[in-house]
Protein backbone atom coordinates (compact mmCIF):
# COMPACT_ATOMS: atom_id res chain seq x y z
CA MET A 1 -3.47 6.25 -1.19
CA PRO A 2 -4.05 5.33 -4.99
CA GLY A 3 -2.41 1.29 -3.95
CA ALA A 4 -2.44 -1.05 -1.69
CA GLY A 5 0.10 -3.81 -0.92
CA ASP A 6 -2.45 -6.38 0.22
CA GLU A 7 -1.67 -8.67 3.07
CA GLU A 8 -2.00 -12.35 3.01
CA ARG A 9 -5.41 -13.44 4.33
CA SER A 10 -5.98 -16.56 6.10
CA ARG A 11 -8.43 -18.15 3.87
CA PRO A 12 -7.11 -20.74 1.46
CA ALA A 13 -7.82 -20.82 -2.15
CA ALA A 14 -9.46 -24.54 -1.91
CA GLU A 15 -11.59 -23.98 0.64
CA PRO A 16 -14.84 -23.27 -1.17
CA ASP A 17 -14.10 -26.73 -3.02
CA PHE A 18 -14.08 -28.71 0.01
CA TRP A 19 -17.19 -27.13 1.45
CA ARG A 20 -18.83 -27.78 -1.85
CA GLN A 21 -17.81 -31.52 -1.59
CA VAL A 22 -19.21 -31.77 1.98
CA VAL A 23 -22.73 -30.32 0.81
CA GLU A 24 -22.63 -32.99 -2.24
CA GLN A 25 -21.92 -35.79 -0.57
CA LEU A 26 -24.46 -35.10 2.46
CA SER A 27 -26.75 -38.00 2.68
CA THR A 28 -29.51 -35.44 3.67
CA ALA A 29 -31.06 -33.10 1.05
CA MET A 30 -30.31 -29.61 0.99
CA MET A 31 -31.75 -26.38 -0.52
CA VAL A 32 -30.59 -23.00 -0.61
CA LEU A 33 -32.99 -20.03 -0.76
CA ASP A 34 -32.53 -16.18 -1.71
CA PRO A 35 -33.98 -13.69 0.27
CA ALA A 36 -37.19 -13.81 -2.14
CA ALA A 37 -37.41 -17.63 -1.50
CA ARG A 38 -36.13 -18.50 -5.11
CA ILE A 39 -33.93 -21.76 -5.07
CA LEU A 40 -30.44 -20.74 -5.90
CA ALA A 41 -28.61 -24.85 -5.42
CA VAL A 42 -29.75 -27.92 -4.49
CA ASN A 43 -27.58 -31.13 -3.52
CA PRO A 44 -28.05 -34.50 -5.00
CA ALA A 45 -29.79 -35.82 -2.34
CA ALA A 46 -32.49 -32.54 -2.47
CA GLU A 47 -32.98 -33.69 -6.20
CA ARG A 48 -33.38 -37.59 -5.30
CA LEU A 49 -35.91 -37.04 -2.53
CA LEU A 50 -38.00 -34.13 -4.42
CA GLY A 51 -37.81 -36.53 -8.06
CA ARG A 52 -36.43 -33.15 -9.71
CA THR A 53 -33.24 -32.03 -11.14
CA ALA A 54 -31.11 -29.26 -10.21
CA GLY A 55 -31.77 -27.19 -13.36
CA ALA A 56 -35.38 -27.75 -12.88
CA MET A 57 -35.20 -26.17 -9.59
CA ARG A 58 -32.83 -23.40 -9.82
CA GLY A 59 -34.32 -20.13 -9.99
CA LYS A 60 -38.20 -21.40 -9.09
CA ASP A 61 -40.09 -19.79 -6.35
CA ALA A 62 -39.37 -22.72 -3.66
CA HIS A 63 -43.29 -22.14 -2.44
CA GLU A 64 -44.98 -22.52 -5.57
CA LEU A 65 -42.85 -25.27 -6.98
CA LEU A 66 -42.90 -27.56 -4.08
CA HIS A 67 -45.08 -26.40 -0.88
CA ARG A 68 -48.59 -28.34 -1.14
CA ASP A 69 -51.55 -28.81 1.62
CA ALA A 70 -52.10 -32.66 2.91
CA GLY A 71 -54.41 -33.11 0.05
CA GLY A 72 -52.12 -32.07 -2.75
CA GLY A 73 -53.77 -29.02 -3.31
CA THR A 74 -51.98 -25.11 -3.61
CA LEU A 75 -51.27 -23.67 -0.36
CA VAL A 76 -51.67 -19.96 0.04
CA ARG A 77 -48.23 -18.34 0.91
CA GLU A 78 -49.54 -16.96 4.36
CA ARG A 79 -49.80 -20.19 5.57
CA CYS A 80 -46.26 -21.34 4.60
CA PRO A 81 -44.05 -21.51 7.70
CA LEU A 82 -40.57 -21.56 5.50
CA LEU A 83 -41.49 -18.44 4.11
CA ARG A 84 -42.22 -16.86 7.32
CA VAL A 85 -39.08 -18.43 8.72
CA LEU A 86 -37.20 -16.16 5.61
CA ALA A 87 -38.89 -13.02 6.47
CA GLU A 88 -37.77 -13.04 9.83
CA ARG A 89 -34.33 -14.41 8.78
CA ALA A 90 -34.14 -16.49 11.97
CA ALA A 91 -32.76 -20.08 12.65
CA ALA A 92 -35.91 -22.61 12.83
CA ARG A 93 -37.39 -26.01 12.00
CA GLY A 94 -40.45 -27.76 11.25
CA ASP A 95 -42.56 -30.92 10.78
CA GLY A 96 -45.24 -32.29 8.53
CA ASP A 97 -45.07 -30.01 5.44
CA SER A 98 -45.87 -31.83 2.22
CA TYR A 99 -43.91 -31.49 -0.82
CA LEU A 100 -44.65 -32.28 -4.34
CA ARG A 101 -42.38 -34.42 -6.24
CA GLY A 102 -41.59 -34.30 -9.73
CA ASP A 103 -43.76 -37.36 -10.34
CA GLY A 104 -46.50 -36.28 -9.03
CA ARG A 105 -46.41 -37.70 -5.61
CA VAL A 106 -46.71 -36.15 -1.92
CA VAL A 107 -43.72 -36.54 0.33
CA THR A 108 -44.05 -35.39 4.01
CA ILE A 109 -40.76 -33.47 5.10
CA ALA A 110 -39.19 -32.64 8.23
CA TRP A 111 -36.71 -29.81 7.82
CA SER A 112 -34.47 -27.20 9.40
CA ALA A 113 -33.49 -23.91 8.14
CA SER A 114 -30.83 -21.51 8.81
CA PRO A 115 -29.91 -17.87 7.62
CA LEU A 116 -26.64 -17.28 5.56
CA THR A 117 -25.47 -13.81 5.91
CA ASP A 118 -21.97 -12.01 4.29
CA ALA A 119 -20.29 -9.25 6.53
CA GLY A 120 -23.71 -8.80 8.28
CA SER A 121 -25.79 -8.54 4.99
CA PHE A 122 -28.79 -11.30 4.85
CA LYS A 123 -28.44 -13.47 1.87
CA GLY A 124 -30.82 -16.13 2.29
CA MET A 125 -31.23 -19.79 4.08
CA ALA A 126 -29.95 -23.27 3.95
CA VAL A 127 -32.88 -25.24 4.74
CA LEU A 128 -31.76 -29.09 5.25
CA PHE A 129 -35.00 -31.59 5.00
CA THR A 130 -35.60 -35.08 5.28
CA ASP A 131 -38.48 -37.71 4.49
CA ALA A 132 -40.88 -37.78 7.14
CA THR A 133 -43.84 -39.83 5.20
CA GLY A 134 -45.46 -42.80 6.88
CA ASP A 135 -47.24 -43.03 9.91
CA PRO A 136 -46.21 -40.67 12.67
CA GLY A 137 -48.08 -42.00 15.17
CA THR A 138 -45.79 -43.80 17.76
CA ARG A 139 -43.74 -42.08 20.30
CA ARG A 140 -40.51 -43.45 19.32
CA GLU A 141 -40.72 -42.53 15.70
CA ARG A 142 -41.49 -38.71 16.65
CA ALA A 143 -38.67 -39.08 18.94
CA GLU A 144 -36.30 -40.49 16.37
CA ARG A 145 -37.20 -37.68 13.81
CA ALA A 146 -36.98 -34.97 16.31
CA ALA A 147 -33.72 -36.22 17.35
CA TYR A 148 -32.50 -36.47 13.25
CA THR A 149 -33.92 -33.04 12.51
CA SER A 150 -32.30 -31.40 15.75
CA ALA A 151 -28.95 -33.37 14.55
CA LEU A 152 -29.10 -31.93 11.21
CA GLU A 153 -29.89 -28.26 12.83
CA ASP A 154 -26.55 -28.74 14.89
CA LEU A 155 -24.93 -29.39 11.43
CA THR A 156 -26.34 -26.18 9.99
CA GLU A 157 -25.02 -24.05 12.57
CA ARG A 158 -21.52 -25.73 13.12
CA LEU A 159 -21.07 -24.97 9.47
CA THR A 160 -22.30 -21.08 9.72
CA LEU A 161 -20.36 -20.89 12.92
CA VAL A 162 -17.01 -22.00 11.13
CA ALA A 163 -17.98 -19.59 7.85
CA GLU A 164 -18.64 -16.56 10.06
CA ILE A 165 -15.48 -16.85 12.00
CA THR A 166 -13.61 -17.22 8.88
CA ASP A 167 -15.15 -14.18 7.44
CA VAL A 168 -15.04 -12.19 10.72
CA LEU A 169 -11.47 -12.94 11.53
CA GLY A 170 -10.40 -12.16 7.88
CA GLN A 171 -11.23 -8.59 8.06
CA THR A 172 -8.68 -7.40 10.59
CA LEU A 173 -5.10 -7.90 10.96
CA GLU A 174 -4.92 -6.91 14.80
CA THR A 175 -4.22 -9.93 16.92
CA ASP A 176 -6.25 -7.91 19.85
CA GLU A 177 -9.29 -7.48 17.50
CA ALA A 178 -9.46 -10.85 15.97
CA LEU A 179 -9.29 -12.39 19.51
CA ALA A 180 -12.14 -10.51 20.92
CA ARG A 181 -14.42 -10.95 17.81
CA LEU A 182 -13.33 -14.57 18.21
CA GLY A 183 -14.80 -14.76 21.98
CA ARG A 184 -18.07 -12.93 20.76
CA LEU A 185 -18.72 -15.87 18.02
CA LEU A 186 -18.22 -18.57 20.28
CA VAL A 187 -19.86 -17.49 23.13
CA PRO A 188 -22.55 -18.62 24.01
CA ARG A 189 -23.21 -20.11 20.48
CA LEU A 190 -20.63 -22.98 20.79
CA ALA A 191 -19.61 -22.61 24.53
CA ASP A 192 -20.17 -20.93 27.66
CA TRP A 193 -16.18 -19.72 28.36
CA SER A 194 -13.50 -19.50 25.73
CA ALA A 195 -10.15 -18.75 26.70
CA VAL A 196 -6.60 -18.13 24.43
CA ASP A 197 -3.08 -18.61 25.09
CA LEU A 198 -0.59 -17.06 22.89
CA ARG A 199 3.23 -18.20 22.76
CA THR A 200 5.63 -15.64 22.91
CA GLY A 201 9.24 -15.45 21.46
CA SER A 202 10.71 -15.17 24.33
CA GLY A 203 9.70 -18.83 25.24
CA GLN A 204 6.54 -17.89 27.42
CA VAL A 205 3.03 -18.54 27.11
CA HIS A 206 0.24 -15.76 27.76
CA ARG A 207 -3.56 -16.01 28.49
CA VAL A 208 -4.48 -12.75 26.01
CA ALA A 209 -8.03 -13.38 26.21
CA VAL A 210 -10.99 -14.53 28.08
CA THR A 211 -14.53 -14.60 27.22
CA GLY A 212 -17.79 -15.69 29.44
CA PRO A 213 -21.37 -15.35 29.37
CA ALA A 214 -22.47 -11.41 28.61
CA GLY A 215 -18.69 -10.68 27.69
CA ARG A 216 -17.67 -11.54 31.44
CA ASP A 217 -14.16 -12.84 32.16
CA ALA A 218 -14.69 -13.83 35.72
CA GLY A 219 -12.52 -11.44 37.29
CA LEU A 220 -9.54 -13.41 35.54
CA GLU A 221 -7.73 -10.20 34.49
CA GLY A 222 -5.18 -10.63 37.12
CA SER A 223 -4.05 -14.42 35.64
CA ARG A 224 -2.88 -13.40 32.48
CA GLU A 225 0.97 -12.81 33.23
CA PRO A 226 3.05 -14.57 30.85
CA LEU A 227 4.15 -17.87 32.08
CA PRO A 228 7.41 -19.94 30.92
CA GLU A 229 6.67 -22.70 28.65
CA ALA A 230 6.61 -26.20 30.11
CA GLY A 231 8.32 -29.34 28.95
CA GLU A 232 6.26 -32.09 27.50
CA ALA A 233 6.49 -34.34 30.24
CA ASP A 234 3.54 -32.15 31.82
CA GLY A 235 0.00 -33.95 31.39
CA SER A 236 -2.10 -30.84 31.18
CA PRO A 237 -4.12 -30.71 28.21
CA LEU A 238 -2.92 -27.49 27.62
CA VAL A 239 0.56 -27.83 27.92
CA GLN A 240 0.26 -30.80 25.68
CA VAL A 241 -1.42 -29.06 22.80
CA LEU A 242 1.00 -26.30 23.11
CA THR A 243 4.23 -28.82 22.85
CA GLY A 244 2.79 -30.21 19.47
CA GLY A 245 -0.35 -32.78 21.01
CA ASP A 246 -3.24 -33.65 19.44
CA PRO A 247 -6.59 -31.30 20.33
CA ALA A 248 -8.01 -32.84 23.95
CA LEU A 249 -11.49 -33.25 24.81
CA TRP A 250 -12.28 -33.60 28.51
CA ASP A 251 -15.52 -34.07 30.15
CA GLU A 252 -17.01 -35.67 33.20
CA GLN A 253 -16.56 -39.20 32.05
CA ASN A 254 -13.08 -38.86 31.60
CA ARG A 255 -12.23 -36.80 34.25
CA ALA A 256 -10.34 -39.28 36.16
CA GLU A 257 -8.57 -40.37 33.36
CA THR A 258 -6.86 -37.03 32.38
CA ALA A 259 -6.64 -35.57 36.13
CA VAL A 260 -3.05 -34.94 36.45
CA PRO A 261 -1.21 -33.12 39.68
CA PRO A 262 -0.38 -29.84 38.19
CA GLY A 263 3.74 -30.04 37.08
CA SER A 264 3.97 -26.43 36.00
CA PRO A 265 2.61 -22.55 36.67
CA LEU A 266 1.08 -22.74 33.05
CA ALA A 267 -1.13 -26.52 33.97
CA THR A 268 -1.88 -24.43 37.09
CA LEU A 269 -3.20 -21.42 35.68
CA HIS A 270 -5.15 -23.79 33.44
CA GLY A 271 -6.53 -25.85 36.29
CA ASP A 272 -7.37 -22.82 38.12
CA PHE A 273 -9.48 -21.12 35.13
CA LEU A 274 -11.61 -24.61 34.54
CA ARG A 275 -12.37 -24.91 38.50
CA THR A 276 -13.47 -21.29 38.55
CA VAL A 277 -15.69 -21.35 35.90
CA GLY A 278 -17.08 -24.54 36.87
CA ALA A 279 -16.34 -26.32 33.39
CA THR A 280 -18.15 -30.11 33.15
CA SER A 281 -16.66 -30.31 29.37
CA ALA A 282 -13.98 -28.75 27.71
CA ILE A 283 -11.99 -28.66 24.26
CA THR A 284 -8.40 -27.53 23.90
CA VAL A 285 -6.82 -27.15 20.25
CA PRO A 286 -4.21 -25.66 18.57
CA LEU A 287 -3.95 -22.57 16.88
CA GLY A 288 -2.32 -23.05 13.77
CA SER A 289 -1.08 -26.67 12.51
CA GLY A 290 2.23 -28.72 12.02
CA ARG A 291 5.30 -27.28 13.38
CA GLN A 292 3.74 -23.50 13.57
CA ILE A 293 1.45 -23.46 16.73
CA THR A 294 1.17 -20.04 17.72
CA GLY A 295 -1.04 -20.73 21.01
CA ALA A 296 -4.25 -22.69 22.01
CA LEU A 297 -7.83 -22.23 22.20
CA THR A 298 -9.98 -23.60 25.01
CA VAL A 299 -13.62 -23.84 25.13
CA VAL A 300 -15.70 -24.80 27.88
CA ARG A 301 -19.32 -26.12 29.00
CA THR A 302 -20.65 -25.70 32.30
CA ASP A 303 -24.26 -27.82 31.82
CA PRO A 304 -23.58 -31.48 32.32
CA ALA A 305 -26.58 -32.45 30.12
CA HIS A 306 -24.70 -30.78 27.21
CA PRO A 307 -21.17 -32.00 27.20
CA PHE A 308 -18.89 -31.70 23.93
CA ASP A 309 -18.61 -34.46 21.24
CA ALA A 310 -16.15 -35.61 18.66
CA ALA A 311 -18.15 -33.46 16.15
CA ASP A 312 -17.52 -30.18 18.32
CA LEU A 313 -13.69 -31.41 18.78
CA GLU A 314 -13.33 -31.34 14.84
CA VAL A 315 -14.90 -28.28 14.70
CA VAL A 316 -13.05 -26.34 17.24
CA SER A 317 -10.15 -27.86 15.53
CA ASP A 318 -10.83 -26.36 12.12
CA ILE A 319 -11.76 -22.93 13.90
CA GLY A 320 -8.06 -23.32 15.59
CA HIS A 321 -6.28 -23.71 12.44
CA ARG A 322 -7.87 -20.77 10.92
CA VAL A 323 -7.78 -18.45 13.60
CA GLY A 324 -4.03 -19.52 14.04
CA ARG A 325 -3.30 -18.15 10.43
CA VAL A 326 -4.65 -14.87 11.38
CA ILE A 327 -2.83 -14.36 14.17
CA ASP A 328 0.52 -15.57 12.08
CA ASN A 329 -0.73 -12.96 9.18
CA ALA A 330 -1.51 -10.22 12.10
CA ARG A 331 2.33 -10.92 13.55
CA ARG A 332 4.10 -10.89 10.66
CA PHE A 333 2.28 -7.36 9.39
CA GLY A 334 3.13 -6.02 12.68
CA ARG A 335 6.23 -6.91 12.59
CA GLN A 336 6.38 -5.35 9.11
CA ARG A 337 4.81 -2.01 10.02
CA ALA A 338 7.10 -1.51 12.70
CA VAL A 339 10.14 -1.68 10.29
CA ALA A 340 8.87 0.67 7.86
CA GLU A 341 7.61 3.19 10.94
CA ALA A 342 11.42 3.11 12.21
CA MET A 343 12.40 3.64 8.86
CA GLN A 344 10.11 6.58 8.13
CA ARG A 345 10.91 8.17 11.31
CA ASN A 346 14.57 7.66 11.17
CA LEU A 347 14.64 9.59 7.71
CA LEU A 348 12.96 12.49 9.52
CA ALA A 349 16.26 14.59 10.26
CA PRO A 350 15.90 17.46 12.51
CA LEU A 351 14.90 20.75 10.99
CA PRO A 352 17.10 23.48 9.66
CA GLN A 353 15.82 27.03 11.23
CA PRO A 354 17.61 29.32 8.65
CA GLY A 355 17.56 32.89 9.70
CA ARG A 356 14.48 34.10 10.77
CA LEU A 357 12.70 31.58 9.02
CA ARG A 358 10.77 28.68 11.01
CA LEU A 359 9.50 25.18 10.42
CA ALA A 360 7.64 22.73 12.22
CA ALA A 361 6.75 19.33 10.96
CA ARG A 362 4.85 16.18 12.16
CA TYR A 363 4.53 12.95 10.93
CA GLN A 364 1.46 10.60 12.15
CA PRO A 365 1.46 6.97 11.12
CA ALA A 366 -1.91 5.29 10.20
CA PRO A 367 -4.19 4.45 12.84
CA ALA A 368 -3.53 0.69 14.54
CA GLY A 369 -5.22 -2.09 11.81
CA SER A 370 -4.20 0.23 8.87
CA GLN A 371 -1.32 -0.58 6.74
CA VAL A 372 1.91 1.51 6.61
CA GLY A 373 2.24 4.08 4.10
CA GLY A 374 4.89 5.88 2.25
CA ASP A 375 4.60 9.72 2.76
CA TRP A 376 7.61 12.04 4.12
CA TYR A 377 8.42 15.33 4.87
CA ASP A 378 12.13 17.12 4.05
CA ALA A 379 13.50 20.55 4.42
CA PHE A 380 17.43 21.12 3.90
CA GLU A 381 19.86 23.86 2.82
CA LEU A 382 20.81 24.01 -0.55
CA LYS A 383 24.44 24.44 -1.61
CA ASP A 384 23.53 28.33 -2.46
CA GLY A 385 22.15 29.03 0.88
CA THR A 386 18.29 28.24 -0.49
CA LEU A 387 15.91 26.81 1.65
CA ALA A 388 14.37 23.51 -0.33
CA LEU A 389 10.76 21.97 1.18
CA VAL A 390 9.76 18.37 0.20
CA ILE A 391 6.76 16.76 0.82
CA GLY A 392 5.72 13.36 -1.06
CA ASP A 393 3.87 10.33 -0.95
CA VAL A 394 4.93 6.89 -2.76
CA VAL A 395 2.17 4.91 -4.03
CA GLY A 396 1.73 1.90 -1.89
CA HIS A 397 0.70 0.84 1.41
CA ASP A 398 3.43 -1.64 2.75
CA LEU A 399 7.19 -2.20 3.44
CA THR A 400 8.18 -2.04 -0.20
CA ALA A 401 6.23 1.62 -0.51
CA ALA A 402 8.03 2.43 2.81
CA ALA A 403 11.37 1.49 1.44
CA GLY A 404 10.70 3.17 -2.03
CA MET A 405 9.93 6.24 -0.01
CA ALA A 406 13.48 6.15 1.48
CA GLN A 407 15.08 5.76 -2.08
CA LEU A 408 13.21 8.93 -3.23
CA HIS A 409 14.17 10.73 -0.23
CA GLY A 410 17.73 10.12 -0.92
CA ILE A 411 18.00 10.57 -4.39
CA LEU A 412 16.15 13.65 -4.49
CA ARG A 413 18.36 15.43 -1.83
CA SER A 414 21.30 14.52 -4.09
CA LEU A 415 19.63 15.88 -7.21
CA ALA A 416 18.44 19.32 -5.30
CA TRP A 417 21.44 19.96 -3.30
CA ASP A 418 23.93 21.57 -6.04
CA HIS A 419 21.15 22.53 -8.95
CA ILE A 420 20.60 25.93 -9.53
CA GLY A 421 17.71 25.95 -12.05
CA PRO A 422 14.18 25.47 -11.39
CA PRO A 423 12.22 22.56 -8.91
CA GLY A 424 10.82 21.10 -12.03
CA SER A 425 14.27 20.02 -13.63
CA VAL A 426 15.32 18.58 -10.69
CA VAL A 427 11.95 16.91 -10.72
CA ASP A 428 12.15 15.79 -14.10
CA ARG A 429 15.82 14.14 -13.94
CA LEU A 430 14.26 12.27 -10.76
CA ASP A 431 11.33 11.07 -12.78
CA ASP A 432 13.88 9.91 -15.70
CA ALA A 433 15.95 8.18 -12.63
CA MET A 434 13.20 6.36 -10.69
CA PRO A 435 12.67 3.35 -12.83
CA ALA A 436 16.48 2.68 -13.03
CA ILE A 437 17.36 2.83 -9.60
CA THR A 438 14.26 2.59 -7.31
CA THR A 439 11.68 0.26 -6.87
CA VAL A 440 8.85 3.09 -6.89
CA PRO A 441 6.15 2.82 -9.31
CA MET A 442 4.26 6.05 -8.92
CA ALA A 443 4.81 8.76 -6.30
CA THR A 444 3.34 12.42 -5.77
CA LEU A 445 5.30 15.31 -4.35
CA VAL A 446 6.00 19.03 -4.12
CA LEU A 447 9.69 20.35 -4.19
CA ALA A 448 10.02 24.14 -3.39
CA ARG A 449 12.35 26.69 -2.94
CA VAL A 450 12.18 29.20 -0.56
CA GLU A 451 14.11 32.06 -2.29
CA GLY A 452 15.41 35.55 -0.52
CA HIS A 453 17.72 36.73 2.13
CA PRO A 454 16.88 34.26 5.54
CA LEU A 455 17.44 37.38 7.33
CA THR A 456 15.85 40.22 5.81
CA GLY A 457 13.58 38.80 2.49
CA PRO A 458 11.77 39.50 0.82
CA TRP A 459 10.98 35.81 0.28
CA THR A 460 9.43 34.16 -3.01
CA LEU A 461 8.10 30.42 -3.17
CA ARG A 462 9.47 28.67 -6.29
CA TRP A 463 7.72 25.04 -6.48
CA THR A 464 6.72 22.30 -8.92
CA SER A 465 3.91 19.60 -8.17
CA ALA A 466 4.00 16.18 -9.25
CA GLY A 467 0.12 15.36 -8.72
CA HIS A 468 0.16 15.97 -5.55
CA PRO A 469 -2.23 18.04 -3.22
CA PRO A 470 -1.66 22.22 -3.63
CA PRO A 471 0.16 23.94 -0.70
CA LEU A 472 -2.09 26.09 1.12
CA LEU A 473 -0.64 29.77 2.09
CA LEU A 474 -2.28 31.63 5.09
CA THR A 475 -1.22 35.31 4.97
CA PRO A 476 -2.20 38.12 7.41
CA GLY A 477 -5.43 39.48 7.29
CA GLY A 478 -7.18 35.73 7.56
CA HIS A 479 -6.92 34.86 3.97
CA ALA A 480 -6.07 31.08 2.92
CA GLN A 481 -4.97 30.34 -0.49
CA TYR A 482 -4.46 26.65 -2.13
CA LEU A 483 -1.25 27.44 -4.76
CA GLU A 484 -2.79 25.29 -7.30
CA ALA A 485 -0.25 26.41 -10.16
CA GLY A 486 2.78 24.44 -11.38
CA GLN A 487 0.82 21.20 -11.45
CA GLY A 488 2.37 18.25 -13.55
CA LEU A 489 1.68 14.48 -13.83
CA LEU A 490 2.41 11.75 -10.90
CA LEU A 491 6.26 10.73 -11.12
CA GLY A 492 6.33 7.57 -12.73
CA ALA A 493 3.34 8.53 -15.12
CA ARG A 494 4.88 10.65 -18.18
CA LEU A 495 5.03 7.36 -20.64
CA GLY A 496 7.96 9.13 -22.45
CA ASP A 497 6.81 12.76 -22.66
CA GLU A 498 9.71 14.94 -23.08
CA THR A 499 7.81 18.34 -21.99
CA SER A 500 9.48 19.60 -19.21
CA ARG A 501 7.51 19.73 -15.92
CA PRO A 502 5.68 23.10 -14.93
CA ASP A 503 7.05 25.50 -12.12
CA ALA A 504 5.26 28.32 -10.28
CA THR A 505 6.27 31.29 -8.08
CA HIS A 506 4.16 32.98 -5.52
CA PRO A 507 5.39 36.20 -3.16
CA LEU A 508 5.52 34.77 0.52
CA PRO A 509 4.19 38.12 2.59
CA PRO A 510 5.61 38.82 6.01
CA GLY A 511 3.87 36.50 8.91
CA ALA A 512 2.76 34.24 6.35
CA THR A 513 2.39 30.28 7.26
CA LEU A 514 2.93 27.73 4.52
CA LEU A 515 1.54 24.22 4.99
CA LEU A 516 2.64 21.38 3.12
CA TYR A 517 0.74 18.01 3.64
CA THR A 518 -0.20 14.54 2.23
CA ASP A 519 -3.57 13.17 1.30
CA GLY A 520 -4.11 11.53 4.64
CA LEU A 521 -4.98 14.99 6.07
CA ILE A 522 -7.55 15.94 3.33
CA GLU A 523 -9.00 12.30 2.41
CA ILE A 524 -11.47 10.51 4.83
CA PRO A 525 -13.15 7.40 3.49
CA GLY A 526 -16.78 8.47 2.65
CA SER A 527 -16.03 11.96 1.81
CA ASP A 528 -14.77 13.60 -1.17
CA ILE A 529 -11.46 15.63 -1.69
CA GLU A 530 -13.14 18.80 -2.06
CA THR A 531 -14.78 18.51 1.64
CA GLY A 532 -11.35 17.82 3.04
CA LEU A 533 -9.61 20.46 1.40
CA GLY A 534 -12.16 22.84 2.88
CA ARG A 535 -12.17 21.70 6.35
CA LEU A 536 -8.38 22.27 6.43
CA ARG A 537 -8.57 25.57 4.82
CA ARG A 538 -11.12 26.28 7.75
CA HIS A 539 -8.95 24.65 11.14
CA ALA A 540 -5.94 26.28 9.51
CA LEU A 541 -7.29 29.70 9.71
CA ALA A 542 -8.55 29.51 12.75
CA LEU A 543 -5.12 28.67 14.13
CA ALA A 544 -3.13 30.92 12.03
CA HIS A 545 -2.10 32.95 14.69
CA ALA A 546 -1.13 29.84 16.96
CA PRO A 547 2.57 28.93 17.67
CA LEU A 548 3.50 26.93 14.61
CA ASP A 549 3.88 23.47 16.68
CA THR A 550 0.70 24.23 18.29
CA LEU A 551 -0.90 24.72 14.26
CA CYS A 552 0.67 21.20 13.69
CA ASP A 553 -0.66 19.69 16.54
CA GLN A 554 -4.12 20.79 16.18
CA LEU A 555 -4.57 20.12 12.51
CA LEU A 556 -3.50 16.22 13.39
CA ALA A 557 -6.18 16.54 16.53
CA ARG A 558 -9.06 18.00 14.65
CA MET A 559 -9.06 15.29 11.69
CA PRO A 560 -12.27 13.45 11.88
CA PRO A 561 -12.32 9.88 12.79
CA GLY A 562 -12.12 7.32 9.94
CA SER A 563 -8.71 7.89 8.52
CA THR A 564 -7.04 4.76 7.48
CA ASP A 565 -3.92 6.66 6.12
CA ASP A 566 -0.71 8.33 7.08
CA VAL A 567 0.27 11.98 7.41
CA ALA A 568 2.97 13.94 6.63
CA LEU A 569 2.83 17.67 7.55
CA LEU A 570 5.52 20.24 7.03
CA ALA A 571 4.77 24.10 7.92
CA LEU A 572 6.84 27.51 7.36
CA ARG A 573 6.27 30.39 9.07
CA LEU A 574 7.76 33.68 8.12
CA PRO A 575 8.79 36.77 10.33
CA ALA A 576 6.11 39.62 10.64
CA GLU A 577 7.20 42.60 8.68
């Protein structure tokens, strides 16, 4: 479709400013490099450590500007560990490199680098580094330096993980797909296991996702039946979070303090899960925030040597807020989609079968995860007994488009029913009325009359097209022809033009089949419209002798994968001579 009604995504407008402030306020030096090792940005701590301003460093080759050997001399690029890491696009850290300050002094640094990606595309590296100048000889100093570098690396990994989750979850409006992606991101990078529980509108909680090592779920599918929500008196961390409590951190040290007898089936389910996976540390956080709690996220570690800490709790809580907004958006979109599809299907009244003429039609919603559309078909007998055919498509992919489709459907029927003039004059009147009595900004359609006696014929097609794909006529003998005459501007695009819309006529021979369709049948992302029209012609010719219902079903079944639009299809078959 030419237009789209965008769904609200889960990323707040103020977030980039928040993370920029986090980086600027870091006491640790940070530098961002592009794939060619050019410096894109540095924070104030890096300016102080290197004795150079951000403006003096931005755009320069980091190796040529900064990296030196132990004596302060230039270092060949092949010996630079940071360049090697940049080429490998992998996280790494180093110790003992020498950097040249702006005042000519050489400082020894320890660094940690993490790759930066956007939608799967490598954008460069974020490098955290600290002054390691001084005597590195004592074991204690080396251990402290290694611990500090490891902490910096952990911070970088946490920031990268949160950014990736935000980006990946923002690409889908399907709850199941969002949760599957979440599990793959959390395990094993942050946790050994993860589980998601969602609240339903019927006062129940449903464990909808469990992810373990290599995608396993430890055979826990059977424990995902919806369970009643428990009261606030239940001491289970999961129940407390779902009823508005604070995020909960549990490990071996506070196990005795937090252990409570299972007071509800939900608490029993959660306790069984933790025991089954061998949890030694766990975090449970709400999905959403404030009063809008859609569920809970639990992450688990099974190695007692690496329990979760307060920093992990903060990161997982942030992730929970983001996931909650994604789920809320997905549910709202699902409700909107269901309303729109019900509206469309309710408008698709039973088709008439006048005389020996036969009609068949299909409506296929867009695939799951796509937005709703405004496609429709219609066929009805006019006051003078003539059969009218309509195929239309309202610009947009949202509930407004579906509502606009319903408006045009009713108005067009009213205008056409007792009108004896050509179809173009009916569509002109619709175009004039549209801005005054509908919410539709733009639409395409074909309005056609099948003229002739319904029993004996002969029959003629008289039609006009408002920017819509051309009808396809299949005739005996294996011929297929697109009826490209009668084309006019889209509805809503006349801009004061008073010229009457064109009409066209074409004989409909005995045994012919006429196909009216919307662009979802011929337009596939990554393919041009001519390819789509050629594909439809080939498939239609191959099915020309099939029963009309079979023809419609097979045309939809033979669509290539990748379509993101809904499809309306209307077929007319004339009797053989």
